[in-house]
Amino acid sequence: MRLSALLVLAAPLLALAAPSPAEAEADYGLTNMAVDSLLGRRDCDYNGCKCDTRNHRKPQGQFCGGCHWKNGDYVITKKRVNSHVYECSPSGRCCDYGYAKDCSKEDGTGRCG
């Protein structure tokens, strides 16, 4: 019983100690929009890139521009940038998410499928 009474009395004090959203924004310099842009999903640009579907290949997933099949052919066959990550569909449709740190290795093979 005493613990619940203590919690009831302490709740208003804890609320006073928590910063308001405006105070938090001032302290850290981040707005909700800035947080959304840092953590949000990136748009995938259908820029004319193409995924290799020759020899009955059905690429599905995300690939860095420098990714190769076992025979040495590039997975991304058109509008390829090694440091970008691409989304491939089994039909060969492709979109470009842009620069990705794990794709920026010298060979551009950080994410291959």
PDB file of N, CA and C in Angstrom:
ATOM      1  N   MET A   1       0.820  -1.186   0.000  1.00  0.00           N
ATOM      2  CA  MET A   1       0.000   0.000   0.000  1.00  0.00           C
ATOM      3  C   MET A   1       0.862   1.247   0.000  1.00  0.00           C
ATOM      4  N   ARG A   2       1.930   1.248   0.772  1.00  0.00           N
ATOM      5  CA  ARG A   2       2.793   2.427   0.855  1.00  0.00           C
ATOM      6  C   ARG A   2       3.476   2.711  -0.482  1.00  0.00           C
ATOM      7  N   LEU A   3       3.859   1.613  -1.214  1.00  0.00           N
ATOM      8  CA  LEU A   3       4.524   1.793  -2.502  1.00  0.00           C
ATOM      9  C   LEU A   3       3.610   2.481  -3.502  1.00  0.00           C
ATOM     10  N   SER A   4       2.347   2.073  -3.543  1.00  0.00           N
ATOM     11  CA  SER A   4       1.419   2.702  -4.480  1.00  0.00           C
ATOM     12  C   SER A   4       1.174   4.169  -4.113  1.00  0.00           C
ATOM     13  N   ALA A   5       1.122   4.478  -2.836  1.00  0.00           N
ATOM     14  CA  ALA A   5       0.949   5.874  -2.413  1.00  0.00           C
ATOM     15  C   ALA A   5       2.173   6.701  -2.796  1.00  0.00           C
ATOM     16  N   LEU A   6       3.346   6.101  -2.665  1.00  0.00           N
ATOM     17  CA  LEU A   6       4.579   6.786  -3.037  1.00  0.00           C
ATOM     18  C   LEU A   6       4.609   7.074  -4.536  1.00  0.00           C
ATOM     19  N   LEU A   7       4.176   6.098  -5.349  1.00  0.00           N
ATOM     20  CA  LEU A   7       4.147   6.286  -6.801  1.00  0.00           C
ATOM     21  C   LEU A   7       3.165   7.384  -7.200  1.00  0.00           C
ATOM     22  N   VAL A   8       2.020   7.430  -6.524  1.00  0.00           N
ATOM     23  CA  VAL A   8       1.024   8.459  -6.820  1.00  0.00           C
ATOM     24  C   VAL A   8       1.590   9.844  -6.514  1.00  0.00           C
ATOM     25  N   LEU A   9       2.317   9.963  -5.434  1.00  0.00           N
ATOM     26  CA  LEU A   9       2.904  11.258  -5.062  1.00  0.00           C
ATOM     27  C   LEU A   9       4.091  11.631  -5.947  1.00  0.00           C
ATOM     28  N   ALA A  10       4.830  10.633  -6.415  1.00  0.00           N
ATOM     29  CA  ALA A  10       6.031  10.901  -7.205  1.00  0.00           C
ATOM     30  C   ALA A  10       5.719  11.195  -8.671  1.00  0.00           C
ATOM     31  N   ALA A  11       4.597  10.739  -9.168  1.00  0.00           N
ATOM     32  CA  ALA A  11       4.278  10.901 -10.592  1.00  0.00           C
ATOM     33  C   ALA A  11       4.313  12.356 -11.056  1.00  0.00           C
ATOM     34  N   PRO A  12       3.709  13.307 -10.340  1.00  0.00           N
ATOM     35  CA  PRO A  12       3.776  14.699 -10.799  1.00  0.00           C
ATOM     36  C   PRO A  12       5.208  15.249 -10.807  1.00  0.00           C
ATOM     37  N   LEU A  13       6.021  14.813  -9.886  1.00  0.00           N
ATOM     38  CA  LEU A  13       7.408  15.278  -9.850  1.00  0.00           C
ATOM     39  C   LEU A  13       8.205  14.747 -11.037  1.00  0.00           C
ATOM     40  N   LEU A  14       7.946  13.487 -11.413  1.00  0.00           N
ATOM     41  CA  LEU A  14       8.627  12.913 -12.572  1.00  0.00           C
ATOM     42  C   LEU A  14       8.213  13.620 -13.854  1.00  0.00           C
ATOM     43  N   ALA A  15       6.960  13.994 -13.953  1.00  0.00           N
ATOM     44  CA  ALA A  15       6.478  14.707 -15.134  1.00  0.00           C
ATOM     45  C   ALA A  15       7.163  16.062 -15.267  1.00  0.00           C
ATOM     46  N   LEU A  16       7.417  16.719 -14.160  1.00  0.00           N
ATOM     47  CA  LEU A  16       8.103  18.008 -14.192  1.00  0.00           C
ATOM     48  C   LEU A  16       9.553  17.866 -14.628  1.00  0.00           C
ATOM     49  N   ALA A  17      10.172  16.728 -14.326  1.00  0.00           N
ATOM     50  CA  ALA A  17      11.580  16.509 -14.654  1.00  0.00           C
ATOM     51  C   ALA A  17      11.785  16.185 -16.128  1.00  0.00           C
ATOM     52  N   ALA A  18      10.789  15.622 -16.801  1.00  0.00           N
ATOM     53  CA  ALA A  18      10.924  15.259 -18.217  1.00  0.00           C
ATOM     54  C   ALA A  18      10.840  16.514 -19.080  1.00  0.00           C
ATOM     55  N   PRO A  19      11.751  16.660 -20.046  1.00  0.00           N
ATOM     56  CA  PRO A  19      11.702  17.846 -20.908  1.00  0.00           C
ATOM     57  C   PRO A  19      10.525  17.789 -21.874  1.00  0.00           C
ATOM     58  N   SER A  20      10.025  18.936 -22.219  1.00  0.00           N
ATOM     59  CA  SER A  20       8.965  18.999 -23.223  1.00  0.00           C
ATOM     60  C   SER A  20       9.596  18.734 -24.590  1.00  0.00           C
ATOM     61  N   PRO A  21       8.790  18.408 -25.612  1.00  0.00           N
ATOM     62  CA  PRO A  21       9.354  18.211 -26.952  1.00  0.00           C
ATOM     63  C   PRO A  21      10.130  19.437 -27.447  1.00  0.00           C
ATOM     64  N   ALA A  22       9.641  20.634 -27.138  1.00  0.00           N
ATOM     65  CA  ALA A  22      10.343  21.852 -27.570  1.00  0.00           C
ATOM     66  C   ALA A  22      11.699  21.978 -26.882  1.00  0.00           C
ATOM     67  N   GLU A  23      11.735  21.623 -25.585  1.00  0.00           N
ATOM     68  CA  GLU A  23      13.014  21.664 -24.862  1.00  0.00           C
ATOM     69  C   GLU A  23      13.978  20.618 -25.400  1.00  0.00           C
ATOM     70  N   ALA A  24      13.468  19.442 -25.704  1.00  0.00           N
ATOM     71  CA  ALA A  24      14.323  18.384 -26.254  1.00  0.00           C
ATOM     72  C   ALA A  24      14.874  18.803 -27.609  1.00  0.00           C
ATOM     73  N   GLU A  25      14.041  19.444 -28.428  1.00  0.00           N
ATOM     74  CA  GLU A  25      14.492  19.923 -29.736  1.00  0.00           C
ATOM     75  C   GLU A  25      15.594  20.957 -29.565  1.00  0.00           C
ATOM     76  N   ALA A  26      15.422  21.852 -28.621  1.00  0.00           N
ATOM     77  CA  ALA A  26      16.436  22.881 -28.378  1.00  0.00           C
ATOM     78  C   ALA A  26      17.727  22.260 -27.864  1.00  0.00           C
ATOM     79  N   ASP A  27      17.620  21.264 -26.979  1.00  0.00           N
ATOM     80  CA  ASP A  27      18.801  20.621 -26.415  1.00  0.00           C
ATOM     81  C   ASP A  27      19.599  19.854 -27.458  1.00  0.00           C
ATOM     82  N   TYR A  28      18.915  19.127 -28.345  1.00  0.00           N
ATOM     83  CA  TYR A  28      19.604  18.248 -29.282  1.00  0.00           C
ATOM     84  C   TYR A  28      19.646  18.796 -30.702  1.00  0.00           C
ATOM     85  N   GLY A  29      18.897  19.832 -30.987  1.00  0.00           N
ATOM     86  CA  GLY A  29      18.919  20.435 -32.308  1.00  0.00           C
ATOM     87  C   GLY A  29      18.270  19.589 -33.381  1.00  0.00           C
ATOM     88  N   LEU A  30      17.455  18.610 -33.004  1.00  0.00           N
ATOM     89  CA  LEU A  30      16.795  17.755 -33.980  1.00  0.00           C
ATOM     90  C   LEU A  30      15.301  17.997 -33.968  1.00  0.00           C
ATOM     91  N   THR A  31      14.742  18.184 -35.123  1.00  0.00           N
ATOM     92  CA  THR A  31      13.298  18.290 -35.241  1.00  0.00           C
ATOM     93  C   THR A  31      12.763  16.917 -35.624  1.00  0.00           C
ATOM     94  N   ASN A  32      11.469  16.738 -35.533  1.00  0.00           N
ATOM     95  CA  ASN A  32      10.877  15.468 -35.954  1.00  0.00           C
ATOM     96  C   ASN A  32      11.193  15.183 -37.408  1.00  0.00           C
ATOM     97  N   MET A  33      11.173  16.220 -38.252  1.00  0.00           N
ATOM     98  CA  MET A  33      11.464  16.032 -39.662  1.00  0.00           C
ATOM     99  C   MET A  33      12.906  15.564 -39.860  1.00  0.00           C
ATOM    100  N   ALA A  34      13.831  16.111 -39.084  1.00  0.00           N
ATOM    101  CA  ALA A  34      15.229  15.703 -39.204  1.00  0.00           C
ATOM    102  C   ALA A  34      15.396  14.251 -38.778  1.00  0.00           C
ATOM    103  N   VAL A  35      14.727  13.854 -37.725  1.00  0.00           N
ATOM    104  CA  VAL A  35      14.805  12.467 -37.271  1.00  0.00           C
ATOM    105  C   VAL A  35      14.214  11.546 -38.329  1.00  0.00           C
ATOM    106  N   ASP A  36      13.074  11.929 -38.911  1.00  0.00           N
ATOM    107  CA  ASP A  36      12.458  11.121 -39.963  1.00  0.00           C
ATOM    108  C   ASP A  36      13.387  10.959 -41.153  1.00  0.00           C
ATOM    109  N   SER A  37      14.077  12.031 -41.521  1.00  0.00           N
ATOM    110  CA  SER A  37      14.957  11.931 -42.686  1.00  0.00           C
ATOM    111  C   SER A  37      16.184  11.085 -42.379  1.00  0.00           C
ATOM    112  N   LEU A  38      16.620  11.060 -41.133  1.00  0.00           N
ATOM    113  CA  LEU A  38      17.770  10.231 -40.766  1.00  0.00           C
ATOM    114  C   LEU A  38      17.396   8.757 -40.674  1.00  0.00           C
ATOM    115  N   LEU A  39      16.216   8.469 -40.169  1.00  0.00           N
ATOM    116  CA  LEU A  39      15.830   7.095 -39.911  1.00  0.00           C
ATOM    117  C   LEU A  39      14.825   6.543 -40.905  1.00  0.00           C
ATOM    118  N   GLY A  40      14.224   7.386 -41.697  1.00  0.00           N
ATOM    119  CA  GLY A  40      13.175   6.952 -42.599  1.00  0.00           C
ATOM    120  C   GLY A  40      13.698   6.162 -43.781  1.00  0.00           C
ATOM    121  N   ARG A  41      12.777   5.584 -44.514  1.00  0.00           N
ATOM    122  CA  ARG A  41      13.127   4.814 -45.700  1.00  0.00           C
ATOM    123  C   ARG A  41      13.499   5.745 -46.839  1.00  0.00           C
ATOM    124  N   ARG A  42      14.391   5.286 -47.678  1.00  0.00           N
ATOM    125  CA  ARG A  42      14.769   6.066 -48.850  1.00  0.00           C
ATOM    126  C   ARG A  42      13.914   5.643 -50.034  1.00  0.00           C
ATOM    127  N   ASP A  43      13.636   6.591 -50.912  1.00  0.00           N
ATOM    128  CA  ASP A  43      12.919   6.266 -52.135  1.00  0.00           C
ATOM    129  C   ASP A  43      13.843   5.502 -53.066  1.00  0.00           C
ATOM    130  N   CYS A  44      13.272   4.594 -53.813  1.00  0.00           N
ATOM    131  CA  CYS A  44      14.022   3.830 -54.798  1.00  0.00           C
ATOM    132  C   CYS A  44      13.716   4.434 -56.165  1.00  0.00           C
ATOM    133  N   ASP A  45      14.757   4.892 -56.849  1.00  0.00           N
ATOM    134  CA  ASP A  45      14.621   5.622 -58.104  1.00  0.00           C
ATOM    135  C   ASP A  45      14.657   4.663 -59.291  1.00  0.00           C
ATOM    136  N   TYR A  46      13.556   4.607 -60.035  1.00  0.00           N
ATOM    137  CA  TYR A  46      13.511   3.810 -61.259  1.00  0.00           C
ATOM    138  C   TYR A  46      14.173   4.631 -62.360  1.00  0.00           C
ATOM    139  N   ASN A  47      15.497   4.534 -62.425  1.00  0.00           N
ATOM    140  CA  ASN A  47      16.293   5.408 -63.290  1.00  0.00           C
ATOM    141  C   ASN A  47      16.703   4.753 -64.596  1.00  0.00           C
ATOM    142  N   GLY A  48      16.180   3.583 -64.901  1.00  0.00           N
ATOM    143  CA  GLY A  48      16.559   2.893 -66.130  1.00  0.00           C
ATOM    144  C   GLY A  48      17.581   1.793 -65.908  1.00  0.00           C
ATOM    145  N   CYS A  49      17.963   1.558 -64.647  1.00  0.00           N
ATOM    146  CA  CYS A  49      18.891   0.464 -64.372  1.00  0.00           C
ATOM    147  C   CYS A  49      18.197  -0.860 -64.717  1.00  0.00           C
ATOM    148  N   LYS A  50      18.985  -1.909 -64.904  1.00  0.00           N
ATOM    149  CA  LYS A  50      18.434  -3.213 -65.251  1.00  0.00           C
ATOM    150  C   LYS A  50      19.214  -4.302 -64.530  1.00  0.00           C
ATOM    151  N   CYS A  51      18.489  -5.319 -64.073  1.00  0.00           N
ATOM    152  CA  CYS A  51      19.098  -6.477 -63.439  1.00  0.00           C
ATOM    153  C   CYS A  51      19.203  -7.608 -64.465  1.00  0.00           C
ATOM    154  N   ASP A  52      20.277  -8.358 -64.398  1.00  0.00           N
ATOM    155  CA  ASP A  52      20.555  -9.431 -65.348  1.00  0.00           C
ATOM    156  C   ASP A  52      19.596 -10.594 -65.146  1.00  0.00           C
ATOM    157  N   THR A  53      18.833 -10.935 -66.184  1.00  0.00           N
ATOM    158  CA  THR A  53      17.921 -12.083 -66.128  1.00  0.00           C
ATOM    159  C   THR A  53      18.293 -13.130 -67.181  1.00  0.00           C
ATOM    160  N   ARG A  54      19.455 -12.981 -67.798  1.00  0.00           N
ATOM    161  CA  ARG A  54      19.879 -13.958 -68.811  1.00  0.00           C
ATOM    162  C   ARG A  54      20.100 -15.317 -68.164  1.00  0.00           C
ATOM    163  N   ASN A  55      20.021 -16.350 -68.979  1.00  0.00           N
ATOM    164  CA  ASN A  55      20.257 -17.720 -68.532  1.00  0.00           C
ATOM    165  C   ASN A  55      19.312 -18.121 -67.397  1.00  0.00           C
ATOM    166  N   HIS A  56      18.075 -17.682 -67.486  1.00  0.00           N
ATOM    167  CA  HIS A  56      17.017 -18.035 -66.523  1.00  0.00           C
ATOM    168  C   HIS A  56      17.311 -17.580 -65.105  1.00  0.00           C
ATOM    169  N   ARG A  57      18.108 -16.537 -64.956  1.00  0.00           N
ATOM    170  CA  ARG A  57      18.366 -15.977 -63.625  1.00  0.00           C
ATOM    171  C   ARG A  57      17.154 -15.172 -63.185  1.00  0.00           C
ATOM    172  N   LYS A  58      16.836 -15.252 -61.945  1.00  0.00           N
ATOM    173  CA  LYS A  58      15.731 -14.473 -61.389  1.00  0.00           C
ATOM    174  C   LYS A  58      16.244 -13.748 -60.158  1.00  0.00           C
ATOM    175  N   PRO A  59      16.942 -12.622 -60.360  1.00  0.00           N
ATOM    176  CA  PRO A  59      17.484 -11.903 -59.207  1.00  0.00           C
ATOM    177  C   PRO A  59      16.351 -11.329 -58.370  1.00  0.00           C
ATOM    178  N   GLN A  60      16.406 -11.533 -57.092  1.00  0.00           N
ATOM    179  CA  GLN A  60      15.420 -10.958 -56.192  1.00  0.00           C
ATOM    180  C   GLN A  60      16.165 -10.481 -54.963  1.00  0.00           C
ATOM    181  N   GLY A  61      16.043  -9.190 -54.643  1.00  0.00           N
ATOM    182  CA  GLY A  61      16.686  -8.680 -53.447  1.00  0.00           C
ATOM    183  C   GLY A  61      17.506  -7.442 -53.715  1.00  0.00           C
ATOM    184  N   GLN A  62      18.386  -7.140 -52.784  1.00  0.00           N
ATOM    185  CA  GLN A  62      19.217  -5.943 -52.891  1.00  0.00           C
ATOM    186  C   GLN A  62      20.644  -6.334 -53.244  1.00  0.00           C
ATOM    187  N   PHE A  63      21.209  -5.589 -54.179  1.00  0.00           N
ATOM    188  CA  PHE A  63      22.546  -5.865 -54.681  1.00  0.00           C
ATOM    189  C   PHE A  63      23.318  -4.557 -54.797  1.00  0.00           C
ATOM    190  N   CYS A  64      24.590  -4.588 -54.402  1.00  0.00           N
ATOM    191  CA  CYS A  64      25.470  -3.459 -54.678  1.00  0.00           C
ATOM    192  C   CYS A  64      25.819  -3.475 -56.159  1.00  0.00           C
ATOM    193  N   GLY A  65      26.192  -2.330 -56.672  1.00  0.00           N
ATOM    194  CA  GLY A  65      26.529  -2.232 -58.087  1.00  0.00           C
ATOM    195  C   GLY A  65      27.677  -3.122 -58.516  1.00  0.00           C
ATOM    196  N   GLY A  66      28.581  -3.456 -57.600  1.00  0.00           N
ATOM    197  CA  GLY A  66      29.734  -4.275 -57.949  1.00  0.00           C
ATOM    198  C   GLY A  66      29.512  -5.773 -57.833  1.00  0.00           C
ATOM    199  N   CYS A  67      28.295  -6.225 -57.550  1.00  0.00           N
ATOM    200  CA  CYS A  67      28.036  -7.656 -57.382  1.00  0.00           C
ATOM    201  C   CYS A  67      28.088  -8.386 -58.720  1.00  0.00           C
ATOM    202  N   HIS A  68      28.658  -9.587 -58.677  1.00  0.00           N
ATOM    203  CA  HIS A  68      28.783 -10.443 -59.861  1.00  0.00           C
ATOM    204  C   HIS A  68      28.084 -11.778 -59.630  1.00  0.00           C
ATOM    205  N   TRP A  69      27.674 -12.417 -60.735  1.00  0.00           N
ATOM    206  CA  TRP A  69      27.262 -13.816 -60.678  1.00  0.00           C
ATOM    207  C   TRP A  69      28.532 -14.656 -60.656  1.00  0.00           C
ATOM    208  N   LYS A  70      28.404 -15.935 -60.432  1.00  0.00           N
ATOM    209  CA  LYS A  70      29.576 -16.821 -60.365  1.00  0.00           C
ATOM    210  C   LYS A  70      30.404 -16.799 -61.653  1.00  0.00           C
ATOM    211  N   ASN A  71      29.762 -16.562 -62.791  1.00  0.00           N
ATOM    212  CA  ASN A  71      30.498 -16.558 -64.060  1.00  0.00           C
ATOM    213  C   ASN A  71      31.182 -15.214 -64.341  1.00  0.00           C
ATOM    214  N   GLY A  72      31.028 -14.245 -63.418  1.00  0.00           N
ATOM    215  CA  GLY A  72      31.690 -12.954 -63.581  1.00  0.00           C
ATOM    216  C   GLY A  72      30.811 -11.842 -64.136  1.00  0.00           C
ATOM    217  N   ASP A  73      29.615 -12.173 -64.638  1.00  0.00           N
ATOM    218  CA  ASP A  73      28.706 -11.139 -65.145  1.00  0.00           C
ATOM    219  C   ASP A  73      28.198 -10.291 -63.975  1.00  0.00           C
ATOM    220  N   TYR A  74      28.022  -8.999 -64.236  1.00  0.00           N
ATOM    221  CA  TYR A  74      27.441  -8.124 -63.222  1.00  0.00           C
ATOM    222  C   TYR A  74      25.962  -8.419 -63.045  1.00  0.00           C
ATOM    223  N   VAL A  75      25.466  -8.324 -61.812  1.00  0.00           N
ATOM    224  CA  VAL A  75      24.035  -8.482 -61.547  1.00  0.00           C
ATOM    225  C   VAL A  75      23.284  -7.286 -62.127  1.00  0.00           C
ATOM    226  N   ILE A  76      23.811  -6.074 -61.935  1.00  0.00           N
ATOM    227  CA  ILE A  76      23.213  -4.852 -62.493  1.00  0.00           C
ATOM    228  C   ILE A  76      23.901  -4.605 -63.829  1.00  0.00           C
ATOM    229  N   THR A  77      23.122  -4.612 -64.908  1.00  0.00           N
ATOM    230  CA  THR A  77      23.721  -4.549 -66.242  1.00  0.00           C
ATOM    231  C   THR A  77      23.586  -3.193 -66.921  1.00  0.00           C
ATOM    232  N   LYS A  78      22.780  -2.321 -66.362  1.00  0.00           N
ATOM    233  CA  LYS A  78      22.563  -1.025 -66.999  1.00  0.00           C
ATOM    234  C   LYS A  78      22.492   0.060 -65.934  1.00  0.00           C
ATOM    235  N   LYS A  79      23.162   1.175 -66.162  1.00  0.00           N
ATOM    236  CA  LYS A  79      23.200   2.318 -65.229  1.00  0.00           C
ATOM    237  C   LYS A  79      23.732   1.901 -63.857  1.00  0.00           C
ATOM    238  N   ARG A  80      24.812   1.146 -63.843  1.00  0.00           N
ATOM    239  CA  ARG A  80      25.386   0.590 -62.620  1.00  0.00           C
ATOM    240  C   ARG A  80      26.442   1.517 -62.030  1.00  0.00           C
ATOM    241  N   VAL A  81      26.370   1.747 -60.705  1.00  0.00           N
ATOM    242  CA  VAL A  81      27.381   2.477 -59.936  1.00  0.00           C
ATOM    243  C   VAL A  81      27.777   1.565 -58.778  1.00  0.00           C
ATOM    244  N   ASN A  82      29.049   1.217 -58.658  1.00  0.00           N
ATOM    245  CA  ASN A  82      29.486   0.256 -57.638  1.00  0.00           C
ATOM    246  C   ASN A  82      29.026   0.616 -56.233  1.00  0.00           C
ATOM    247  N   SER A  83      29.042   1.889 -55.882  1.00  0.00           N
ATOM    248  CA  SER A  83      28.742   2.299 -54.505  1.00  0.00           C
ATOM    249  C   SER A  83      27.247   2.481 -54.230  1.00  0.00           C
ATOM    250  N   HIS A  84      26.392   2.147 -55.178  1.00  0.00           N
ATOM    251  CA  HIS A  84      24.941   2.246 -54.978  1.00  0.00           C
ATOM    252  C   HIS A  84      24.359   0.871 -54.681  1.00  0.00           C
ATOM    253  N   VAL A  85      23.221   0.863 -54.007  1.00  0.00           N
ATOM    254  CA  VAL A  85      22.489  -0.379 -53.770  1.00  0.00           C
ATOM    255  C   VAL A  85      21.223  -0.350 -54.618  1.00  0.00           C
ATOM    256  N   TYR A  86      20.926  -1.490 -55.231  1.00  0.00           N
ATOM    257  CA  TYR A  86      19.802  -1.630 -56.153  1.00  0.00           C
ATOM    258  C   TYR A  86      18.855  -2.702 -55.646  1.00  0.00           C
ATOM    259  N   GLU A  87      17.587  -2.534 -55.976  1.00  0.00           N
ATOM    260  CA  GLU A  87      16.562  -3.541 -55.675  1.00  0.00           C
ATOM    261  C   GLU A  87      16.195  -4.193 -57.002  1.00  0.00           C
ATOM    262  N   CYS A  88      16.318  -5.525 -57.065  1.00  0.00           N
ATOM    263  CA  CYS A  88      15.995  -6.265 -58.284  1.00  0.00           C
ATOM    264  C   CYS A  88      14.752  -7.112 -58.066  1.00  0.00           C
ATOM    265  N   SER A  89      13.948  -7.211 -59.118  1.00  0.00           N
ATOM    266  CA  SER A  89      12.797  -8.114 -59.089  1.00  0.00           C
ATOM    267  C   SER A  89      13.098  -9.281 -60.030  1.00  0.00           C
ATOM    268  N   PRO A  90      12.388 -10.403 -59.901  1.00  0.00           N
ATOM    269  CA  PRO A  90      12.653 -11.555 -60.763  1.00  0.00           C
ATOM    270  C   PRO A  90      12.500 -11.248 -62.252  1.00  0.00           C
ATOM    271  N   SER A  91      11.718 -10.233 -62.590  1.00  0.00           N
ATOM    272  CA  SER A  91      11.530  -9.875 -63.996  1.00  0.00           C
ATOM    273  C   SER A  91      12.696  -9.066 -64.554  1.00  0.00           C
ATOM    274  N   GLY A  92      13.627  -8.642 -63.684  1.00  0.00           N
ATOM    275  CA  GLY A  92      14.748  -7.817 -64.121  1.00  0.00           C
ATOM    276  C   GLY A  92      14.530  -6.342 -63.871  1.00  0.00           C
ATOM    277  N   ARG A  93      13.348  -6.005 -63.363  1.00  0.00           N
ATOM    278  CA  ARG A  93      13.082  -4.602 -63.034  1.00  0.00           C
ATOM    279  C   ARG A  93      14.017  -4.173 -61.914  1.00  0.00           C
ATOM    280  N   CYS A  94      14.413  -2.913 -61.957  1.00  0.00           N
ATOM    281  CA  CYS A  94      15.467  -2.446 -61.063  1.00  0.00           C
ATOM    282  C   CYS A  94      15.162  -1.030 -60.605  1.00  0.00           C
ATOM    283  N   CYS A  95      15.544  -0.727 -59.375  1.00  0.00           N
ATOM    284  CA  CYS A  95      15.527   0.654 -58.910  1.00  0.00           C
ATOM    285  C   CYS A  95      16.772   0.883 -58.067  1.00  0.00           C
ATOM    286  N   ASP A  96      17.165   2.138 -57.982  1.00  0.00           N
ATOM    287  CA  ASP A  96      18.427   2.546 -57.351  1.00  0.00           C
ATOM    288  C   ASP A  96      18.132   3.310 -56.072  1.00  0.00           C
ATOM    289  N   TYR A  97      18.608   2.790 -54.926  1.00  0.00           N
ATOM    290  CA  TYR A  97      18.460   3.488 -53.652  1.00  0.00           C
ATOM    291  C   TYR A  97      19.544   4.549 -53.453  1.00  0.00           C
ATOM    292  N   GLY A  98      20.559   4.536 -54.288  1.00  0.00           N
ATOM    293  CA  GLY A  98      21.642   5.498 -54.154  1.00  0.00           C
ATOM    294  C   GLY A  98      22.787   4.930 -53.335  1.00  0.00           C
ATOM    295  N   TYR A  99      23.632   5.817 -52.861  1.00  0.00           N
ATOM    296  CA  TYR A  99      24.848   5.443 -52.133  1.00  0.00           C
ATOM    297  C   TYR A  99      24.527   4.628 -50.890  1.00  0.00           C
ATOM    298  N   ALA A 100      25.325   3.587 -50.673  1.00  0.00           N
ATOM    299  CA  ALA A 100      25.231   2.779 -49.455  1.00  0.00           C
ATOM    300  C   ALA A 100      26.648   2.501 -48.970  1.00  0.00           C
ATOM    301  N   LYS A 101      26.869   2.762 -47.695  1.00  0.00           N
ATOM    302  CA  LYS A 101      28.216   2.629 -47.142  1.00  0.00           C
ATOM    303  C   LYS A 101      28.788   1.226 -47.355  1.00  0.00           C
ATOM    304  N   ASP A 102      27.953   0.188 -47.176  1.00  0.00           N
ATOM    305  CA  ASP A 102      28.466  -1.168 -47.346  1.00  0.00           C
ATOM    306  C   ASP A 102      28.782  -1.510 -48.802  1.00  0.00           C
ATOM    307  N   CYS A 103      28.313  -0.702 -49.733  1.00  0.00           N
ATOM    308  CA  CYS A 103      28.643  -0.892 -51.149  1.00  0.00           C
ATOM    309  C   CYS A 103      29.857  -0.069 -51.568  1.00  0.00           C
ATOM    310  N   SER A 104      30.379   0.733 -50.675  1.00  0.00           N
ATOM    311  CA  SER A 104      31.451   1.649 -51.050  1.00  0.00           C
ATOM    312  C   SER A 104      32.841   1.028 -50.918  1.00  0.00           C
ATOM    313  N   LYS A 105      32.906  -0.269 -50.621  1.00  0.00           N
ATOM    314  CA  LYS A 105      34.195  -0.947 -50.617  1.00  0.00           C
ATOM    315  C   LYS A 105      34.823  -0.796 -52.001  1.00  0.00           C
ATOM    316  N   GLU A 106      36.084  -1.070 -52.088  1.00  0.00           N
ATOM    317  CA  GLU A 106      36.789  -0.917 -53.361  1.00  0.00           C
ATOM    318  C   GLU A 106      36.116  -1.692 -54.488  1.00  0.00           C
ATOM    319  N   ASP A 107      35.645  -2.915 -54.191  1.00  0.00           N
ATOM    320  CA  ASP A 107      35.033  -3.735 -55.235  1.00  0.00           C
ATOM    321  C   ASP A 107      33.513  -3.570 -55.327  1.00  0.00           C
ATOM    322  N   GLY A 108      32.910  -2.829 -54.398  1.00  0.00           N
ATOM    323  CA  GLY A 108      31.462  -2.565 -54.454  1.00  0.00           C
ATOM    324  C   GLY A 108      30.595  -3.774 -54.227  1.00  0.00           C
ATOM    325  N   THR A 109      31.070  -4.756 -53.454  1.00  0.00           N
ATOM    326  CA  THR A 109      30.305  -6.002 -53.303  1.00  0.00           C
ATOM    327  C   THR A 109      29.791  -6.221 -51.882  1.00  0.00           C
ATOM    328  N   GLY A 110      29.476  -5.189 -51.164  1.00  0.00           N
ATOM    329  CA  GLY A 110      29.051  -5.342 -49.767  1.00  0.00           C
ATOM    330  C   GLY A 110      27.733  -6.035 -49.563  1.00  0.00           C
ATOM    331  N   ARG A 111      26.825  -5.959 -50.508  1.00  0.00           N
ATOM    332  CA  ARG A 111      25.480  -6.530 -50.340  1.00  0.00           C
ATOM    333  C   ARG A 111      25.092  -7.200 -51.656  1.00  0.00           C
ATOM    334  N   CYS A 112      25.210  -8.492 -51.716  1.00  0.00           N
ATOM    335  CA  CYS A 112      24.950  -9.214 -52.976  1.00  0.00           C
ATOM    336  C   CYS A 112      23.850 -10.250 -52.800  1.00  0.00           C
ATOM    337  N   GLY A 113      22.645  -9.778 -52.782  1.00  0.00           N
ATOM    338  CA  GLY A 113      21.485 -10.676 -52.695  1.00  0.00           C
ATOM    339  C   GLY A 113      20.960 -10.726 -51.383  1.00  0.00           C
TER     340      GLY A 113
END
